[in-house]
Amino acid sequence: MRVLEILAKACAVLAGMLLTVITLMTVVSIVGRNTTGWTIVGDFELSGSAAGAAIALFMPWCQWERGHIIVDFFTNRASPTTQLRLDRFGALMLALVMALMTWRSALGGLSAWKSQTGSMMLGFPEWIVYCGVVPGLALTAVIAFVQALRGFEPAADAAAEAAQ
């Protein structure tokens, strides 16, 4: 479990660095456009690509920390054991969805590689974007699957089992 935590943190740090680069590039482009008329051509293409990868790279840490939105309106009065079971079931469903997205994104990346497709203005290779998205989705799937099997916290699982 410790390895998953380290990998999730590394993905989040990488995502933060990507967003920092996007921000700096956007500032340079906007300041240049409004002062000297110079701009970074295709900055919106690069921003979109990097933002997509950053979102996928933030997801493992969010799942590790159980930071996804949970609507507990109907389960608020359920027993802790029932809530834990539902949370683990939700983690399993997320693992399956993330595994599906990983698989389809990997196939999309291979297709983009074979066809050598690129962005409209820069011709930036699309397969590179998939390379940034697939690891985050895959790690999220693994973390969610482990949480579905083992639970979220050893103390919480022990308490739920004792309540049975």
C-alpha atoms as a PDB file:
ATOM      1  CA  MET A   1       0.000   0.000   0.000  1.00  0.00           C
ATOM      2  CA  ARG A   2       2.898   2.346   0.708  1.00  0.00           C
ATOM      3  CA  VAL A   3       4.075   2.040  -2.913  1.00  0.00           C
ATOM      4  CA  LEU A   4       0.645   3.086  -4.164  1.00  0.00           C
ATOM      5  CA  GLU A   5       0.697   6.122  -1.896  1.00  0.00           C
ATOM      6  CA  ILE A   6       4.143   7.156  -3.163  1.00  0.00           C
ATOM      7  CA  LEU A   7       3.084   6.702  -6.797  1.00  0.00           C
ATOM      8  CA  ALA A   8      -0.121   8.677  -6.206  1.00  0.00           C
ATOM      9  CA  LYS A   9       1.853  11.529  -4.625  1.00  0.00           C
ATOM     10  CA  ALA A  10       4.342  11.492  -7.511  1.00  0.00           C
ATOM     11  CA  CYS A  11       1.495  11.734 -10.011  1.00  0.00           C
ATOM     12  CA  ALA A  12      -0.010  14.668  -8.101  1.00  0.00           C
ATOM     13  CA  VAL A  13       3.345  16.475  -8.039  1.00  0.00           C
ATOM     14  CA  LEU A  14       3.774  15.903 -11.780  1.00  0.00           C
ATOM     15  CA  ALA A  15       0.249  17.196 -12.381  1.00  0.00           C
ATOM     16  CA  GLY A  16       1.020  20.297 -10.333  1.00  0.00           C
ATOM     17  CA  MET A  17       4.156  20.911 -12.370  1.00  0.00           C
ATOM     18  CA  LEU A  18       2.167  20.552 -15.595  1.00  0.00           C
ATOM     19  CA  LEU A  19      -0.392  23.092 -14.378  1.00  0.00           C
ATOM     20  CA  THR A  20       2.393  25.465 -13.358  1.00  0.00           C
ATOM     21  CA  VAL A  21       3.917  25.263 -16.836  1.00  0.00           C
ATOM     22  CA  ILE A  22       0.496  25.835 -18.422  1.00  0.00           C
ATOM     23  CA  THR A  23      -0.063  28.867 -16.204  1.00  0.00           C
ATOM     24  CA  LEU A  24       3.334  30.380 -16.983  1.00  0.00           C
ATOM     25  CA  MET A  25       2.905  29.766 -20.708  1.00  0.00           C
ATOM     26  CA  THR A  26      -0.542  31.365 -20.654  1.00  0.00           C
ATOM     27  CA  VAL A  27       0.712  34.408 -18.741  1.00  0.00           C
ATOM     28  CA  VAL A  28       3.606  34.886 -21.178  1.00  0.00           C
ATOM     29  CA  SER A  29       1.255  34.543 -24.138  1.00  0.00           C
ATOM     30  CA  ILE A  30      -1.362  36.965 -22.767  1.00  0.00           C
ATOM     31  CA  VAL A  31       1.184  39.562 -21.637  1.00  0.00           C
ATOM     32  CA  GLY A  32       2.963  39.313 -24.969  1.00  0.00           C
ATOM     33  CA  ARG A  33      -0.278  39.581 -26.924  1.00  0.00           C
ATOM     34  CA  ASN A  34      -1.360  42.689 -25.002  1.00  0.00           C
ATOM     35  CA  THR A  35       1.993  44.490 -24.927  1.00  0.00           C
ATOM     36  CA  THR A  36       4.091  43.630 -27.963  1.00  0.00           C
ATOM     37  CA  GLY A  37       1.622  41.746 -30.138  1.00  0.00           C
ATOM     38  CA  TRP A  38       3.713  38.587 -29.830  1.00  0.00           C
ATOM     39  CA  THR A  39       1.999  35.418 -28.705  1.00  0.00           C
ATOM     40  CA  ILE A  40       2.736  31.733 -28.293  1.00  0.00           C
ATOM     41  CA  VAL A  41       1.166  30.064 -31.314  1.00  0.00           C
ATOM     42  CA  GLY A  42      -1.048  27.156 -30.326  1.00  0.00           C
ATOM     43  CA  ASP A  43      -0.949  27.943 -26.623  1.00  0.00           C
ATOM     44  CA  PHE A  44      -4.559  26.831 -26.251  1.00  0.00           C
ATOM     45  CA  GLU A  45      -3.744  23.471 -27.854  1.00  0.00           C
ATOM     46  CA  LEU A  46      -0.871  22.878 -25.466  1.00  0.00           C
ATOM     47  CA  SER A  47      -2.965  24.063 -22.504  1.00  0.00           C
ATOM     48  CA  GLY A  48      -5.782  21.671 -23.337  1.00  0.00           C
ATOM     49  CA  SER A  49      -3.453  18.734 -23.772  1.00  0.00           C
ATOM     50  CA  ALA A  50      -1.540  19.376 -20.576  1.00  0.00           C
ATOM     51  CA  ALA A  51      -4.718  20.052 -18.587  1.00  0.00           C
ATOM     52  CA  GLY A  52      -6.190  16.701 -19.649  1.00  0.00           C
ATOM     53  CA  ALA A  53      -3.050  14.895 -18.556  1.00  0.00           C
ATOM     54  CA  ALA A  54      -2.948  16.848 -15.279  1.00  0.00           C
ATOM     55  CA  ILE A  55      -6.530  15.923 -14.454  1.00  0.00           C
ATOM     56  CA  ALA A  56      -5.793  12.229 -14.999  1.00  0.00           C
ATOM     57  CA  LEU A  57      -2.609  12.503 -12.931  1.00  0.00           C
ATOM     58  CA  PHE A  58      -4.449  14.102  -9.994  1.00  0.00           C
ATOM     59  CA  MET A  59      -7.002  11.288  -9.851  1.00  0.00           C
ATOM     60  CA  PRO A  60      -4.841   8.649  -8.091  1.00  0.00           C
ATOM     61  CA  TRP A  61      -4.124  10.979  -5.169  1.00  0.00           C
ATOM     62  CA  CYS A  62      -7.767  11.987  -4.969  1.00  0.00           C
ATOM     63  CA  GLN A  63      -8.787   8.325  -4.772  1.00  0.00           C
ATOM     64  CA  TRP A  64      -6.053   7.552  -2.252  1.00  0.00           C
ATOM     65  CA  GLU A  65      -7.293  10.342   0.002  1.00  0.00           C
ATOM     66  CA  ARG A  66     -10.952   9.501  -0.662  1.00  0.00           C
ATOM     67  CA  GLY A  67     -11.399  13.001  -2.013  1.00  0.00           C
ATOM     68  CA  HIS A  68     -14.107  12.204  -4.543  1.00  0.00           C
ATOM     69  CA  ILE A  69     -17.540  13.634  -3.894  1.00  0.00           C
ATOM     70  CA  ILE A  70     -19.725  11.263  -1.904  1.00  0.00           C
ATOM     71  CA  VAL A  71     -23.460  11.803  -1.826  1.00  0.00           C
ATOM     72  CA  ASP A  72     -24.589  10.155   1.382  1.00  0.00           C
ATOM     73  CA  PHE A  73     -28.136  11.478   1.533  1.00  0.00           C
ATOM     74  CA  PHE A  74     -29.659   7.978   1.504  1.00  0.00           C
ATOM     75  CA  THR A  75     -26.920   6.246   3.499  1.00  0.00           C
ATOM     76  CA  ASN A  76     -26.453   8.866   6.213  1.00  0.00           C
ATOM     77  CA  ARG A  77     -28.446   6.856   8.738  1.00  0.00           C
ATOM     78  CA  ALA A  78     -27.065   3.462   7.719  1.00  0.00           C
ATOM     79  CA  SER A  79     -24.807   1.560  10.067  1.00  0.00           C
ATOM     80  CA  PRO A  80     -21.036   2.055   9.774  1.00  0.00           C
ATOM     81  CA  THR A  81     -20.751  -1.481   8.420  1.00  0.00           C
ATOM     82  CA  THR A  82     -23.276  -0.768   5.662  1.00  0.00           C
ATOM     83  CA  GLN A  83     -21.583   2.525   4.824  1.00  0.00           C
ATOM     84  CA  LEU A  84     -18.203   0.805   4.612  1.00  0.00           C
ATOM     85  CA  ARG A  85     -19.598  -1.917   2.345  1.00  0.00           C
ATOM     86  CA  LEU A  86     -21.180   0.688   0.073  1.00  0.00           C
ATOM     87  CA  ASP A  87     -17.942   2.691  -0.006  1.00  0.00           C
ATOM     88  CA  ARG A  88     -15.998  -0.426  -0.947  1.00  0.00           C
ATOM     89  CA  PHE A  89     -18.569  -1.264  -3.616  1.00  0.00           C
ATOM     90  CA  GLY A  90     -18.201   2.286  -4.950  1.00  0.00           C
ATOM     91  CA  ALA A  91     -14.437   1.845  -5.025  1.00  0.00           C
ATOM     92  CA  LEU A  92     -14.896  -1.372  -7.005  1.00  0.00           C
ATOM     93  CA  MET A  93     -17.164   0.383  -9.503  1.00  0.00           C
ATOM     94  CA  LEU A  94     -14.642   3.202  -9.850  1.00  0.00           C
ATOM     95  CA  ALA A  95     -11.865   0.648 -10.377  1.00  0.00           C
ATOM     96  CA  LEU A  96     -13.844  -0.969 -13.185  1.00  0.00           C
ATOM     97  CA  VAL A  97     -14.618   2.360 -14.868  1.00  0.00           C
ATOM     98  CA  MET A  98     -11.001   3.519 -14.584  1.00  0.00           C
ATOM     99  CA  ALA A  99      -9.787   0.180 -15.981  1.00  0.00           C
ATOM    100  CA  LEU A 100     -12.144   0.598 -18.934  1.00  0.00           C
ATOM    101  CA  MET A 101     -10.962   4.177 -19.492  1.00  0.00           C
ATOM    102  CA  THR A 102      -7.334   3.052 -19.256  1.00  0.00           C
ATOM    103  CA  TRP A 103      -7.886   0.344 -21.835  1.00  0.00           C
ATOM    104  CA  ARG A 104      -9.719   2.636 -24.275  1.00  0.00           C
ATOM    105  CA  SER A 105      -7.234   5.483 -23.788  1.00  0.00           C
ATOM    106  CA  ALA A 106      -4.327   3.124 -24.430  1.00  0.00           C
ATOM    107  CA  LEU A 107      -5.997   1.948 -27.638  1.00  0.00           C
ATOM    108  CA  GLY A 108      -6.635   5.579 -28.603  1.00  0.00           C
ATOM    109  CA  GLY A 109      -2.970   6.383 -28.010  1.00  0.00           C
ATOM    110  CA  LEU A 110      -1.840   3.453 -30.144  1.00  0.00           C
ATOM    111  CA  SER A 111      -4.208   4.546 -32.891  1.00  0.00           C
ATOM    112  CA  ALA A 112      -2.881   8.114 -32.709  1.00  0.00           C
ATOM    113  CA  TRP A 113       0.676   6.747 -32.860  1.00  0.00           C
ATOM    114  CA  LYS A 114      -0.066   4.623 -35.936  1.00  0.00           C
ATOM    115  CA  SER A 115      -1.889   7.408 -37.759  1.00  0.00           C
ATOM    116  CA  GLN A 116       0.549  10.118 -36.580  1.00  0.00           C
ATOM    117  CA  THR A 117      -2.325  12.511 -35.910  1.00  0.00           C
ATOM    118  CA  GLY A 118      -1.530  15.883 -34.448  1.00  0.00           C
ATOM    119  CA  SER A 119      -3.153  19.054 -33.197  1.00  0.00           C
ATOM    120  CA  MET A 120      -4.578  21.477 -35.723  1.00  0.00           C
ATOM    121  CA  MET A 121      -2.199  24.431 -35.434  1.00  0.00           C
ATOM    122  CA  LEU A 122       1.029  22.955 -34.127  1.00  0.00           C
ATOM    123  CA  GLY A 123       0.750  19.409 -35.319  1.00  0.00           C
ATOM    124  CA  PHE A 124       1.542  18.396 -31.719  1.00  0.00           C
ATOM    125  CA  PRO A 125       1.375  14.566 -31.668  1.00  0.00           C
ATOM    126  CA  GLU A 126      -1.818  13.362 -30.004  1.00  0.00           C
ATOM    127  CA  TRP A 127      -0.250  10.143 -28.757  1.00  0.00           C
ATOM    128  CA  ILE A 128       1.830  12.160 -26.279  1.00  0.00           C
ATOM    129  CA  VAL A 129      -1.361  13.322 -24.578  1.00  0.00           C
ATOM    130  CA  TYR A 130      -2.496   9.720 -24.194  1.00  0.00           C
ATOM    131  CA  CYS A 131       0.878   8.885 -22.643  1.00  0.00           C
ATOM    132  CA  GLY A 132       0.123  11.482 -19.973  1.00  0.00           C
ATOM    133  CA  VAL A 133      -3.430  10.279 -19.362  1.00  0.00           C
ATOM    134  CA  VAL A 134      -3.075   6.484 -19.273  1.00  0.00           C
ATOM    135  CA  PRO A 135      -0.770   6.158 -16.213  1.00  0.00           C
ATOM    136  CA  GLY A 136      -3.045   8.279 -14.015  1.00  0.00           C
ATOM    137  CA  LEU A 137      -6.130   6.332 -15.020  1.00  0.00           C
ATOM    138  CA  ALA A 138      -4.374   2.996 -14.509  1.00  0.00           C
ATOM    139  CA  LEU A 139      -3.034   3.935 -11.086  1.00  0.00           C
ATOM    140  CA  THR A 140      -6.462   5.184 -10.032  1.00  0.00           C
ATOM    141  CA  ALA A 141      -7.944   1.835 -11.076  1.00  0.00           C
ATOM    142  CA  VAL A 142      -5.332  -0.086  -9.071  1.00  0.00           C
ATOM    143  CA  ILE A 143      -5.774   2.068  -5.958  1.00  0.00           C
ATOM    144  CA  ALA A 144      -9.569   1.808  -6.112  1.00  0.00           C
ATOM    145  CA  PHE A 145      -9.386  -1.964  -6.623  1.00  0.00           C
ATOM    146  CA  VAL A 146      -7.069  -2.388  -3.645  1.00  0.00           C
ATOM    147  CA  GLN A 147      -9.350  -0.211  -1.527  1.00  0.00           C
ATOM    148  CA  ALA A 148     -12.358  -2.267  -2.610  1.00  0.00           C
ATOM    149  CA  LEU A 149     -10.603  -5.458  -1.530  1.00  0.00           C
ATOM    150  CA  ARG A 150      -8.757  -4.309   1.584  1.00  0.00           C
ATOM    151  CA  GLY A 151     -10.780  -1.313   2.726  1.00  0.00           C
ATOM    152  CA  PHE A 152      -9.661   2.241   3.237  1.00  0.00           C
ATOM    153  CA  GLU A 153      -8.083   2.227   6.682  1.00  0.00           C
ATOM    154  CA  PRO A 154      -7.178  -0.758   8.812  1.00  0.00           C
ATOM    155  CA  ALA A 155      -8.813   0.812  11.879  1.00  0.00           C
ATOM    156  CA  ALA A 156     -12.062   1.543  10.036  1.00  0.00           C
ATOM    157  CA  ASP A 157     -12.263  -2.001   8.682  1.00  0.00           C
ATOM    158  CA  ALA A 158     -11.607  -3.515  12.106  1.00  0.00           C
ATOM    159  CA  ALA A 159     -14.299  -1.319  13.675  1.00  0.00           C
ATOM    160  CA  ALA A 160     -16.819  -2.276  10.993  1.00  0.00           C
ATOM    161  CA  GLU A 161     -16.109  -5.978  11.402  1.00  0.00           C
ATOM    162  CA  ALA A 162     -16.402  -5.686  15.183  1.00  0.00           C
ATOM    163  CA  ALA A 163     -19.784  -3.991  14.792  1.00  0.00           C
ATOM    164  CA  GLN A 164     -21.146  -7.030  12.935  1.00  0.00           C
END
